[in-house]
Amino acid sequence: MQVTAGLFLIDFLVRPFAKIYQKMPFMIFLIMIVLYGIVGYIVWKSAFKPEEQY
């Protein structure tokens, strides 16, 4: 039951962005690159961060 509600919520939230993607695919592609770049930077930084000393 919760899976169905989750899928409905995802569909409800993603549908407006899908319409925008149809009109401006290059802009959405740039936004995705920026978002994944931020996530990648955080992961990269945390992977090579020296151990914290207390």
PDB file of N, CA and C in Angstrom:
ATOM      1  N   MET A   1       0.817  -1.192   0.000  1.00  0.00           N
ATOM      2  CA  MET A   1       0.000   0.000   0.000  1.00  0.00           C
ATOM      3  C   MET A   1       0.869   1.267   0.000  1.00  0.00           C
ATOM      4  N   GLN A   2       1.934   1.254   0.799  1.00  0.00           N
ATOM      5  CA  GLN A   2       2.803   2.428   0.875  1.00  0.00           C
ATOM      6  C   GLN A   2       3.570   2.635  -0.425  1.00  0.00           C
ATOM      7  N   VAL A   3       3.901   1.547  -1.107  1.00  0.00           N
ATOM      8  CA  VAL A   3       4.625   1.662  -2.374  1.00  0.00           C
ATOM      9  C   VAL A   3       3.747   2.365  -3.406  1.00  0.00           C
ATOM     10  N   THR A   4       2.486   2.024  -3.443  1.00  0.00           N
ATOM     11  CA  THR A   4       1.570   2.655  -4.389  1.00  0.00           C
ATOM     12  C   THR A   4       1.435   4.146  -4.083  1.00  0.00           C
ATOM     13  N   ALA A   5       1.326   4.490  -2.814  1.00  0.00           N
ATOM     14  CA  ALA A   5       1.227   5.903  -2.441  1.00  0.00           C
ATOM     15  C   ALA A   5       2.518   6.641  -2.797  1.00  0.00           C
ATOM     16  N   GLY A   6       3.654   6.001  -2.617  1.00  0.00           N
ATOM     17  CA  GLY A   6       4.932   6.613  -2.964  1.00  0.00           C
ATOM     18  C   GLY A   6       5.056   6.843  -4.459  1.00  0.00           C
ATOM     19  N   LEU A   7       4.635   5.857  -5.253  1.00  0.00           N
ATOM     20  CA  LEU A   7       4.681   6.009  -6.708  1.00  0.00           C
ATOM     21  C   LEU A   7       3.742   7.120  -7.170  1.00  0.00           C
ATOM     22  N   PHE A   8       2.571   7.201  -6.558  1.00  0.00           N
ATOM     23  CA  PHE A   8       1.632   8.260  -6.909  1.00  0.00           C
ATOM     24  C   PHE A   8       2.223   9.623  -6.567  1.00  0.00           C
ATOM     25  N   LEU A   9       2.867   9.746  -5.422  1.00  0.00           N
ATOM     26  CA  LEU A   9       3.472  11.013  -5.010  1.00  0.00           C
ATOM     27  C   LEU A   9       4.606  11.406  -5.949  1.00  0.00           C
ATOM     28  N   ILE A  10       5.445  10.451  -6.320  1.00  0.00           N
ATOM     29  CA  ILE A  10       6.536  10.729  -7.257  1.00  0.00           C
ATOM     30  C   ILE A  10       5.970  11.176  -8.599  1.00  0.00           C
ATOM     31  N   ASP A  11       4.948  10.476  -9.080  1.00  0.00           N
ATOM     32  CA  ASP A  11       4.322  10.841 -10.348  1.00  0.00           C
ATOM     33  C   ASP A  11       3.716  12.235 -10.265  1.00  0.00           C
ATOM     34  N   PHE A  12       3.079  12.558  -9.159  1.00  0.00           N
ATOM     35  CA  PHE A  12       2.445  13.866  -8.978  1.00  0.00           C
ATOM     36  C   PHE A  12       3.487  14.982  -8.950  1.00  0.00           C
ATOM     37  N   LEU A  13       4.655  14.724  -8.354  1.00  0.00           N
ATOM     38  CA  LEU A  13       5.691  15.746  -8.256  1.00  0.00           C
ATOM     39  C   LEU A  13       6.515  15.882  -9.536  1.00  0.00           C
ATOM     40  N   VAL A  14       6.704  14.803 -10.267  1.00  0.00           N
ATOM     41  CA  VAL A  14       7.585  14.813 -11.438  1.00  0.00           C
ATOM     42  C   VAL A  14       6.860  15.278 -12.699  1.00  0.00           C
ATOM     43  N   ARG A  15       5.565  15.105 -12.761  1.00  0.00           N
ATOM     44  CA  ARG A  15       4.821  15.417 -13.979  1.00  0.00           C
ATOM     45  C   ARG A  15       5.014  16.861 -14.478  1.00  0.00           C
ATOM     46  N   PRO A  16       4.959  17.894 -13.626  1.00  0.00           N
ATOM     47  CA  PRO A  16       5.192  19.260 -14.149  1.00  0.00           C
ATOM     48  C   PRO A  16       6.592  19.439 -14.738  1.00  0.00           C
ATOM     49  N   PHE A  17       7.586  18.810 -14.128  1.00  0.00           N
ATOM     50  CA  PHE A  17       8.944  18.923 -14.642  1.00  0.00           C
ATOM     51  C   PHE A  17       9.095  18.183 -15.970  1.00  0.00           C
ATOM     52  N   ALA A  18       8.339  17.118 -16.157  1.00  0.00           N
ATOM     53  CA  ALA A  18       8.395  16.396 -17.424  1.00  0.00           C
ATOM     54  C   ALA A  18       7.849  17.267 -18.548  1.00  0.00           C
ATOM     55  N   LYS A  19       6.827  18.075 -18.264  1.00  0.00           N
ATOM     56  CA  LYS A  19       6.296  18.973 -19.284  1.00  0.00           C
ATOM     57  C   LYS A  19       7.309  20.048 -19.631  1.00  0.00           C
ATOM     58  N   ILE A  20       8.032  20.555 -18.631  1.00  0.00           N
ATOM     59  CA  ILE A  20       9.075  21.546 -18.880  1.00  0.00           C
ATOM     60  C   ILE A  20      10.190  20.913 -19.704  1.00  0.00           C
ATOM     61  N   TYR A  21      10.532  19.672 -19.400  1.00  0.00           N
ATOM     62  CA  TYR A  21      11.595  18.978 -20.136  1.00  0.00           C
ATOM     63  C   TYR A  21      11.261  18.856 -21.618  1.00  0.00           C
ATOM     64  N   GLN A  22       9.992  18.642 -21.929  1.00  0.00           N
ATOM     65  CA  GLN A  22       9.596  18.539 -23.325  1.00  0.00           C
ATOM     66  C   GLN A  22       9.796  19.859 -24.051  1.00  0.00           C
ATOM     67  N   LYS A  23       9.647  20.972 -23.345  1.00  0.00           N
ATOM     68  CA  LYS A  23       9.781  22.279 -23.977  1.00  0.00           C
ATOM     69  C   LYS A  23      11.231  22.756 -24.022  1.00  0.00           C
ATOM     70  N   MET A  24      12.007  22.480 -22.951  1.00  0.00           N
ATOM     71  CA  MET A  24      13.392  22.962 -22.872  1.00  0.00           C
ATOM     72  C   MET A  24      14.323  21.850 -22.387  1.00  0.00           C
ATOM     73  N   PRO A  25      14.617  20.851 -23.194  1.00  0.00           N
ATOM     74  CA  PRO A  25      15.437  19.732 -22.713  1.00  0.00           C
ATOM     75  C   PRO A  25      16.869  20.139 -22.375  1.00  0.00           C
ATOM     76  N   PHE A  26      17.435  21.109 -23.091  1.00  0.00           N
ATOM     77  CA  PHE A  26      18.814  21.498 -22.826  1.00  0.00           C
ATOM     78  C   PHE A  26      18.952  22.178 -21.469  1.00  0.00           C
ATOM     79  N   MET A  27      17.961  22.994 -21.091  1.00  0.00           N
ATOM     80  CA  MET A  27      17.995  23.682 -19.793  1.00  0.00           C
ATOM     81  C   MET A  27      17.918  22.680 -18.647  1.00  0.00           C
ATOM     82  N   ILE A  28      17.037  21.703 -18.765  1.00  0.00           N
ATOM     83  CA  ILE A  28      16.920  20.686 -17.719  1.00  0.00           C
ATOM     84  C   ILE A  28      18.205  19.867 -17.639  1.00  0.00           C
ATOM     85  N   PHE A  29      18.820  19.592 -18.784  1.00  0.00           N
ATOM     86  CA  PHE A  29      20.093  18.862 -18.801  1.00  0.00           C
ATOM     87  C   PHE A  29      21.168  19.638 -18.045  1.00  0.00           C
ATOM     88  N   LEU A  30      21.234  20.949 -18.233  1.00  0.00           N
ATOM     89  CA  LEU A  30      22.208  21.771 -17.510  1.00  0.00           C
ATOM     90  C   LEU A  30      21.931  21.781 -16.008  1.00  0.00           C
ATOM     91  N   ILE A  31      20.651  21.846 -15.637  1.00  0.00           N
ATOM     92  CA  ILE A  31      20.298  21.810 -14.213  1.00  0.00           C
ATOM     93  C   ILE A  31      20.721  20.481 -13.605  1.00  0.00           C
ATOM     94  N   MET A  32      20.509  19.383 -14.322  1.00  0.00           N
ATOM     95  CA  MET A  32      20.921  18.069 -13.817  1.00  0.00           C
ATOM     96  C   MET A  32      22.432  17.984 -13.662  1.00  0.00           C
ATOM     97  N   ILE A  33      23.178  18.543 -14.611  1.00  0.00           N
ATOM     98  CA  ILE A  33      24.635  18.533 -14.513  1.00  0.00           C
ATOM     99  C   ILE A  33      25.087  19.297 -13.268  1.00  0.00           C
ATOM    100  N   VAL A  34      24.476  20.450 -13.010  1.00  0.00           N
ATOM    101  CA  VAL A  34      24.837  21.243 -11.834  1.00  0.00           C
ATOM    102  C   VAL A  34      24.512  20.484 -10.545  1.00  0.00           C
ATOM    103  N   LEU A  35      23.321  19.887 -10.478  1.00  0.00           N
ATOM    104  CA  LEU A  35      22.934  19.165  -9.259  1.00  0.00           C
ATOM    105  C   LEU A  35      23.834  17.954  -9.012  1.00  0.00           C
ATOM    106  N   TYR A  36      24.098  17.167 -10.059  1.00  0.00           N
ATOM    107  CA  TYR A  36      24.975  16.015  -9.896  1.00  0.00           C
ATOM    108  C   TYR A  36      26.407  16.448  -9.618  1.00  0.00           C
ATOM    109  N   GLY A  37      26.811  17.597 -10.138  1.00  0.00           N
ATOM    110  CA  GLY A  37      28.138  18.126  -9.843  1.00  0.00           C
ATOM    111  C   GLY A  37      28.283  18.484  -8.375  1.00  0.00           C
ATOM    112  N   ILE A  38      27.261  19.097  -7.798  1.00  0.00           N
ATOM    113  CA  ILE A  38      27.291  19.445  -6.375  1.00  0.00           C
ATOM    114  C   ILE A  38      27.366  18.186  -5.529  1.00  0.00           C
ATOM    115  N   VAL A  39      26.536  17.194  -5.852  1.00  0.00           N
ATOM    116  CA  VAL A  39      26.551  15.938  -5.100  1.00  0.00           C
ATOM    117  C   VAL A  39      27.905  15.252  -5.249  1.00  0.00           C
ATOM    118  N   GLY A  40      28.440  15.225  -6.461  1.00  0.00           N
ATOM    119  CA  GLY A  40      29.747  14.610  -6.693  1.00  0.00           C
ATOM    120  C   GLY A  40      30.855  15.320  -5.929  1.00  0.00           C
ATOM    121  N   TYR A  41      30.797  16.638  -5.868  1.00  0.00           N
ATOM    122  CA  TYR A  41      31.806  17.392  -5.118  1.00  0.00           C
ATOM    123  C   TYR A  41      31.750  17.069  -3.635  1.00  0.00           C
ATOM    124  N   ILE A  42      30.555  16.983  -3.078  1.00  0.00           N
ATOM    125  CA  ILE A  42      30.411  16.658  -1.655  1.00  0.00           C
ATOM    126  C   ILE A  42      30.951  15.260  -1.373  1.00  0.00           C
ATOM    127  N   VAL A  43      30.628  14.302  -2.248  1.00  0.00           N
ATOM    128  CA  VAL A  43      31.121  12.933  -2.061  1.00  0.00           C
ATOM    129  C   VAL A  43      32.633  12.892  -2.196  1.00  0.00           C
ATOM    130  N   TRP A  44      33.180  13.568  -3.198  1.00  0.00           N
ATOM    131  CA  TRP A  44      34.620  13.599  -3.423  1.00  0.00           C
ATOM    132  C   TRP A  44      35.336  14.224  -2.226  1.00  0.00           C
ATOM    133  N   LYS A  45      34.792  15.324  -1.721  1.00  0.00           N
ATOM    134  CA  LYS A  45      35.402  16.018  -0.589  1.00  0.00           C
ATOM    135  C   LYS A  45      35.372  15.142   0.659  1.00  0.00           C
ATOM    136  N   SER A  46      34.261  14.472   0.901  1.00  0.00           N
ATOM    137  CA  SER A  46      34.156  13.643   2.100  1.00  0.00           C
ATOM    138  C   SER A  46      35.017  12.385   1.983  1.00  0.00           C
ATOM    139  N   ALA A  47      35.259  11.910   0.770  1.00  0.00           N
ATOM    140  CA  ALA A  47      36.064  10.700   0.600  1.00  0.00           C
ATOM    141  C   ALA A  47      37.543  10.972   0.906  1.00  0.00           C
ATOM    142  N   PHE A  48      38.022  12.172   0.611  1.00  0.00           N
ATOM    143  CA  PHE A  48      39.431  12.476   0.786  1.00  0.00           C
ATOM    144  C   PHE A  48      39.696  13.414   1.961  1.00  0.00           C
ATOM    145  N   LYS A  49      38.688  13.633   2.783  1.00  0.00           N
ATOM    146  CA  LYS A  49      38.831  14.489   3.954  1.00  0.00           C
ATOM    147  C   LYS A  49      39.626  13.728   5.025  1.00  0.00           C
ATOM    148  N   PRO A  50      40.625  14.376   5.602  1.00  0.00           N
ATOM    149  CA  PRO A  50      41.367  13.673   6.657  1.00  0.00           C
ATOM    150  C   PRO A  50      40.487  13.390   7.865  1.00  0.00           C
ATOM    151  N   GLU A  51      40.872  12.396   8.603  1.00  0.00           N
ATOM    152  CA  GLU A  51      40.106  12.018   9.775  1.00  0.00           C
ATOM    153  C   GLU A  51      40.048  13.169  10.768  1.00  0.00           C
ATOM    154  N   GLU A  52      38.877  13.361  11.363  1.00  0.00           N
ATOM    155  CA  GLU A  52      38.738  14.415  12.359  1.00  0.00           C
ATOM    156  C   GLU A  52      39.385  13.964  13.661  1.00  0.00           C
ATOM    157  N   GLN A  53      40.077  14.880  14.291  1.00  0.00           N
ATOM    158  CA  GLN A  53      40.724  14.561  15.559  1.00  0.00           C
ATOM    159  C   GLN A  53      40.001  15.284  16.674  1.00  0.00           C
ATOM    160  N   TYR A  54      39.765  14.558  17.753  1.00  0.00           N
ATOM    161  CA  TYR A  54      39.028  15.130  18.872  1.00  0.00           C
ATOM    162  C   TYR A  54      39.963  15.514  19.980  1.00  0.00           C
TER     163      TYR A  54
END
